[in-house]
Every structure is written in C-alpha cells, then in structure tokens.
Amino acid sequence: MVDKKCKICRRIGEKLFLKGEKCFTPKCPFNTRPYPPGKLSSERKHKAAISEFGLQMREKQKIRNLYGVSEKQFANYVKASTKNISKNFSPSLLLYRTLESRLDNIVFRMGLSQSRALARQIVNHGHIKVNNKKLDIPSYLVKLNDLISIRPGSLQTKLFSDISNKIKEVSTPAWLEYDKTKITAKILGGPNEIEVGLDLAKVLEFYSK
C-alpha cells in the first residue's frame, strides 16, 4: 500500500520530500507512479488543462502539506498575514515568515531531522528547548533572539546519535545563527525572500475568493 505522504506528492504533481531520505530512493512511488493516485484511465494519461483556481488550490495544498499545517491553522496564518499590513513585507512574505518561524521548521532547518514530519515528533516528545526551557509545541512561533537547543538528556538517545557529524554539511538560513559545536540556533530575524518554487501569491488569491 502506498504511503499517504506519497499520495500527497503524486496528487500535487511535485515531490515534496515529506519522508526525508526515503524520497531519494528509486523505489519512491512518485518515481514509479508519476500520475495522480487512483485508477489510471486512458484519459488521465494526458494532463488536462488546469484552471487558475485549480492552480491556486494545488499551490495551497502543496505549501500546507510541505509545512504539515492543518487547514484551519493555515487559514489563520493567511488571515493574519493579510490583516497585519507591513511597510517592509508583503502579505506573501509575511505568510512565508510565519511558516518558517514554526518551531518544527527550525528543528528541520537545523538538520536535526530529515523531514518536518519527524521534526514535529521530535518537538512533541520534548527533545527541544527554547531559551533553556523544554517546549513541546511544534506550532510555537519563535521570536527574535530565541535560542533553540536539544535537551541534554535527549542527546544520549539513539535519535541524536552521531548528530554532530550529521549536521556538518547542513546549510542554514542567514537569519539563524547556528553554533554546530553546541548544536544551538539563535533567531536573528526571518527570511527576506520567499524560497524559489513556492508561489504564496497564488495561496493568497485562493483565500481571497
């Protein structure tokens, strides 16, 4: 049976790497079944034209699943980004900064997990500290100067075995001050540009209907 996460990628038509290193194997369902889930009829072998609304919905689903956010929470993020008008950031960038500020995403960006799904589990299980206090809320939005670290007791578990070597080649955003010796990250701000491949403008258009 094909994993639910694999079906999400196939439905959207783009590999989102929701399962970490497993997504890079030749047996990845996205590679072996490059079409939407369900019975493959002769009509579906050819890509049908997608309406603008369809493109907006697909982008919304893509980004929502990429960050592992519920529909309700994602809609709240969109609402906040369009309500809090800023001279420095567009609504699209505000939405992106919010998604990137989630604690589970920070754990992922630090290279402590190969996917955001695993990062959520790591936070849920109490392995992460924010400003030296254990925090088990994946949706927590980090703030300027917050310090993210691994709980000392968790460093002895199998989950973080050889973590120092695993993060050596990790490239972190400029807005994270990463001390790879102590395995801590300090929040210096937020992204000033949206990652290539993410069309958050389409997402805002979808919710403006």
Protein backbone atom coordinates (compact mmCIF):
# COMPACT_ATOMS: atom_id res chain seq x y z
CA MET A 1 0.00 0.00 0.00
CA VAL A 2 1.33 3.43 -0.96
CA ASP A 3 2.01 5.76 1.97
CA LYS A 4 -0.38 8.72 2.46
CA LYS A 5 2.53 11.16 2.16
CA CYS A 6 3.48 9.66 -1.20
CA LYS A 7 -0.08 10.11 -2.42
CA ILE A 8 0.06 13.79 -1.49
CA CYS A 9 3.09 14.31 -3.74
CA ARG A 10 1.51 12.35 -6.60
CA ARG A 11 -1.76 14.27 -6.28
CA ILE A 12 0.03 17.63 -6.33
CA GLY A 13 2.36 16.54 -9.11
CA GLU A 14 5.54 17.56 -7.31
CA LYS A 15 7.92 15.78 -4.95
CA LEU A 16 7.76 17.49 -1.55
CA PHE A 17 10.26 15.20 0.23
CA LEU A 18 7.84 14.56 3.09
CA LYS A 19 9.60 11.32 4.09
CA GLY A 20 13.19 12.53 4.17
CA GLU A 21 15.86 10.24 2.68
CA LYS A 22 13.25 7.70 1.52
CA CYS A 23 12.19 10.21 -1.13
CA PHE A 24 15.60 9.91 -2.81
CA THR A 25 15.37 6.16 -3.46
CA PRO A 26 14.50 4.73 -6.92
CA LYS A 27 11.52 2.95 -5.33
CA CYS A 28 9.87 6.23 -4.35
CA PRO A 29 6.21 5.97 -5.55
CA PHE A 30 6.47 9.41 -7.12
CA ASN A 31 9.11 7.98 -9.48
CA THR A 32 7.44 4.64 -10.11
CA ARG A 33 3.90 6.04 -10.45
CA PRO A 34 4.21 9.54 -11.93
CA TYR A 35 0.48 10.18 -12.05
CA PRO A 36 -2.27 11.08 -9.52
CA PRO A 37 -3.44 8.25 -7.21
CA GLY A 38 -6.43 6.21 -8.32
CA LYS A 39 -7.17 4.10 -11.36
CA LEU A 40 -5.19 5.26 -14.38
CA SER A 41 -7.59 5.54 -17.27
CA SER A 42 -6.54 6.30 -20.83
CA GLU A 43 -7.94 9.81 -20.44
CA ARG A 44 -5.82 10.51 -17.35
CA LYS A 45 -2.59 9.57 -19.10
CA HIS A 46 -2.70 13.00 -20.70
CA LYS A 47 -2.51 16.03 -18.42
CA ALA A 48 -5.70 18.04 -18.57
CA ALA A 49 -5.57 21.82 -18.56
CA ILE A 50 -5.89 23.19 -15.04
CA SER A 51 -7.90 26.31 -14.33
CA GLU A 52 -6.40 29.27 -12.46
CA PHE A 53 -8.48 28.32 -9.42
CA GLY A 54 -7.16 24.78 -9.71
CA LEU A 55 -3.58 26.07 -9.77
CA GLN A 56 -4.25 28.19 -6.70
CA MET A 57 -5.76 25.26 -4.83
CA ARG A 58 -2.88 22.97 -5.77
CA GLU A 59 -0.32 25.51 -4.57
CA LYS A 60 -2.25 25.93 -1.32
CA GLN A 61 -2.29 22.16 -0.76
CA LYS A 62 1.37 21.89 -1.71
CA ILE A 63 2.58 24.50 0.79
CA ARG A 64 0.18 23.41 3.55
CA ASN A 65 1.39 19.82 3.30
CA LEU A 66 5.02 20.87 2.90
CA TYR A 67 4.91 22.52 6.33
CA GLY A 68 2.49 19.98 7.81
CA VAL A 69 -0.09 22.56 8.84
CA SER A 70 -3.80 21.84 9.33
CA GLU A 71 -6.34 23.55 7.09
CA LYS A 72 -7.67 25.68 9.95
CA GLN A 73 -4.25 26.76 11.13
CA PHE A 74 -3.10 27.54 7.61
CA ALA A 75 -6.19 29.70 7.02
CA ASN A 76 -5.42 31.55 10.26
CA TYR A 77 -1.87 32.21 9.08
CA VAL A 78 -3.21 33.60 5.81
CA LYS A 79 -5.72 35.80 7.62
CA ALA A 80 -3.03 37.22 9.90
CA SER A 81 -0.66 37.93 7.00
CA THR A 82 -3.31 39.93 5.13
CA LYS A 83 -4.60 41.69 8.23
CA ASN A 84 -1.27 42.84 9.64
CA ILE A 85 -0.23 45.27 6.93
CA SER A 86 3.51 45.96 6.92
CA LYS A 87 5.54 48.58 5.04
CA ASN A 88 8.53 46.25 4.94
CA PHE A 89 6.94 42.92 4.00
CA SER A 90 4.26 41.92 1.51
CA PRO A 91 1.42 39.64 2.73
CA SER A 92 3.07 36.77 0.82
CA LEU A 93 6.38 37.28 2.60
CA LEU A 94 4.63 37.68 5.96
CA LEU A 95 2.94 34.32 5.43
CA TYR A 96 6.25 32.72 4.50
CA ARG A 97 7.99 34.21 7.54
CA THR A 98 5.24 32.79 9.77
CA LEU A 99 5.61 29.29 8.31
CA GLU A 100 9.39 29.45 8.63
CA SER A 101 9.09 30.62 12.25
CA ARG A 102 7.37 27.44 13.42
CA LEU A 103 9.50 25.54 15.93
CA ASP A 104 9.24 22.27 13.99
CA ASN A 105 10.55 24.06 10.91
CA ILE A 106 13.51 25.47 12.88
CA VAL A 107 14.38 21.95 14.04
CA PHE A 108 14.23 20.83 10.40
CA ARG A 109 16.37 23.77 9.25
CA MET A 110 18.97 22.88 11.90
CA GLY A 111 19.33 19.46 10.29
CA LEU A 112 18.11 17.63 13.39
CA SER A 113 15.60 15.74 11.24
CA GLN A 114 15.31 14.76 7.59
CA SER A 115 11.71 15.93 7.31
CA ARG A 116 9.37 18.37 9.00
CA ALA A 117 7.14 15.44 9.99
CA LEU A 118 9.97 13.93 12.04
CA ALA A 119 10.79 17.40 13.40
CA ARG A 120 7.23 17.65 14.74
CA GLN A 121 7.67 14.32 16.52
CA ILE A 122 10.97 15.48 18.00
CA VAL A 123 9.32 18.60 19.41
CA ASN A 124 6.21 16.69 20.56
CA HIS A 125 8.36 14.23 22.51
CA GLY A 126 10.03 17.03 24.48
CA HIS A 127 13.52 16.82 22.99
CA ILE A 128 13.79 20.56 22.21
CA LYS A 129 14.36 23.56 24.44
CA VAL A 130 13.64 27.22 23.71
CA ASN A 131 15.58 29.65 25.89
CA ASN A 132 16.62 26.71 28.08
CA LYS A 133 13.04 25.62 28.74
CA LYS A 134 11.53 22.44 27.30
CA LEU A 135 8.85 23.22 24.74
CA ASP A 136 6.72 20.53 23.11
CA ILE A 137 4.55 22.69 20.83
CA PRO A 138 5.56 22.27 17.15
CA SER A 139 3.48 25.28 16.06
CA TYR A 140 5.21 27.64 18.50
CA LEU A 141 6.40 30.70 16.56
CA VAL A 142 9.95 31.56 17.50
CA LYS A 143 10.85 35.18 18.20
CA LEU A 144 13.89 37.38 17.77
CA ASN A 145 16.81 36.22 19.95
CA ASP A 146 15.15 32.93 20.92
CA LEU A 147 17.75 30.21 21.50
CA ILE A 148 16.89 26.71 20.25
CA SER A 149 18.74 23.69 21.63
CA ILE A 150 18.42 19.96 22.27
CA ARG A 151 17.52 18.84 25.79
CA PRO A 152 20.76 17.46 27.34
CA GLY A 153 19.15 14.15 28.27
CA SER A 154 17.94 13.67 24.69
CA LEU A 155 21.49 13.92 23.32
CA GLN A 156 22.17 10.48 24.79
CA THR A 157 19.32 8.84 22.88
CA LYS A 158 19.62 6.90 19.61
CA LEU A 159 17.67 9.65 17.86
CA PHE A 160 20.61 12.04 18.14
CA SER A 161 23.46 9.56 17.87
CA ASP A 162 26.24 10.95 15.68
CA ILE A 163 24.27 14.19 15.30
CA SER A 164 27.45 16.31 15.31
CA ASN A 165 28.64 14.60 12.12
CA LYS A 166 25.20 14.67 10.51
CA ILE A 167 24.89 18.46 10.77
CA LYS A 168 28.38 19.27 9.47
CA GLU A 169 27.18 19.83 5.92
CA VAL A 170 23.86 21.44 6.88
CA SER A 171 23.35 24.87 5.33
CA THR A 172 21.12 27.10 7.43
CA PRO A 173 19.36 30.37 6.50
CA ALA A 174 21.19 33.64 7.21
CA TRP A 175 18.59 34.53 9.83
CA LEU A 176 19.70 31.60 12.00
CA GLU A 177 22.96 31.88 13.96
CA TYR A 178 23.93 28.23 14.17
CA ASP A 179 26.57 27.01 16.60
CA LYS A 180 27.23 23.48 15.34
CA THR A 181 29.57 22.73 18.24
CA LYS A 182 26.91 23.39 20.88
CA ILE A 183 24.09 22.48 18.46
CA THR A 184 22.17 25.66 19.22
CA ALA A 185 20.49 28.15 16.92
CA LYS A 186 19.72 31.77 17.74
CA ILE A 187 16.93 33.56 15.86
CA LEU A 188 18.31 36.69 14.23
CA GLY A 189 15.13 37.61 12.36
CA GLY A 190 13.31 35.96 9.48
CA PRO A 191 13.62 35.36 5.74
CA ASN A 192 13.55 38.41 3.47
CA GLU A 193 12.86 36.41 0.32
CA ILE A 194 10.47 33.57 -0.43
CA GLU A 195 12.05 30.26 -1.33
CA VAL A 196 12.13 29.56 -5.05
CA GLY A 197 9.33 27.22 -6.09
CA LEU A 198 6.77 28.49 -3.58
CA ASP A 199 4.05 30.75 -5.03
CA LEU A 200 2.42 32.21 -1.93
CA ALA A 201 0.69 34.88 -4.01
CA LYS A 202 -1.46 32.12 -5.51
CA VAL A 203 -2.30 30.95 -2.00
CA LEU A 204 -3.50 34.41 -1.00
CA GLU A 205 -5.55 34.62 -4.21
CA PHE A 206 -7.17 31.29 -3.35
CA TYR A 207 -8.29 32.51 0.07
CA SER A 208 -9.48 35.87 -1.30
CA LYS A 209 -12.27 34.20 -3.29
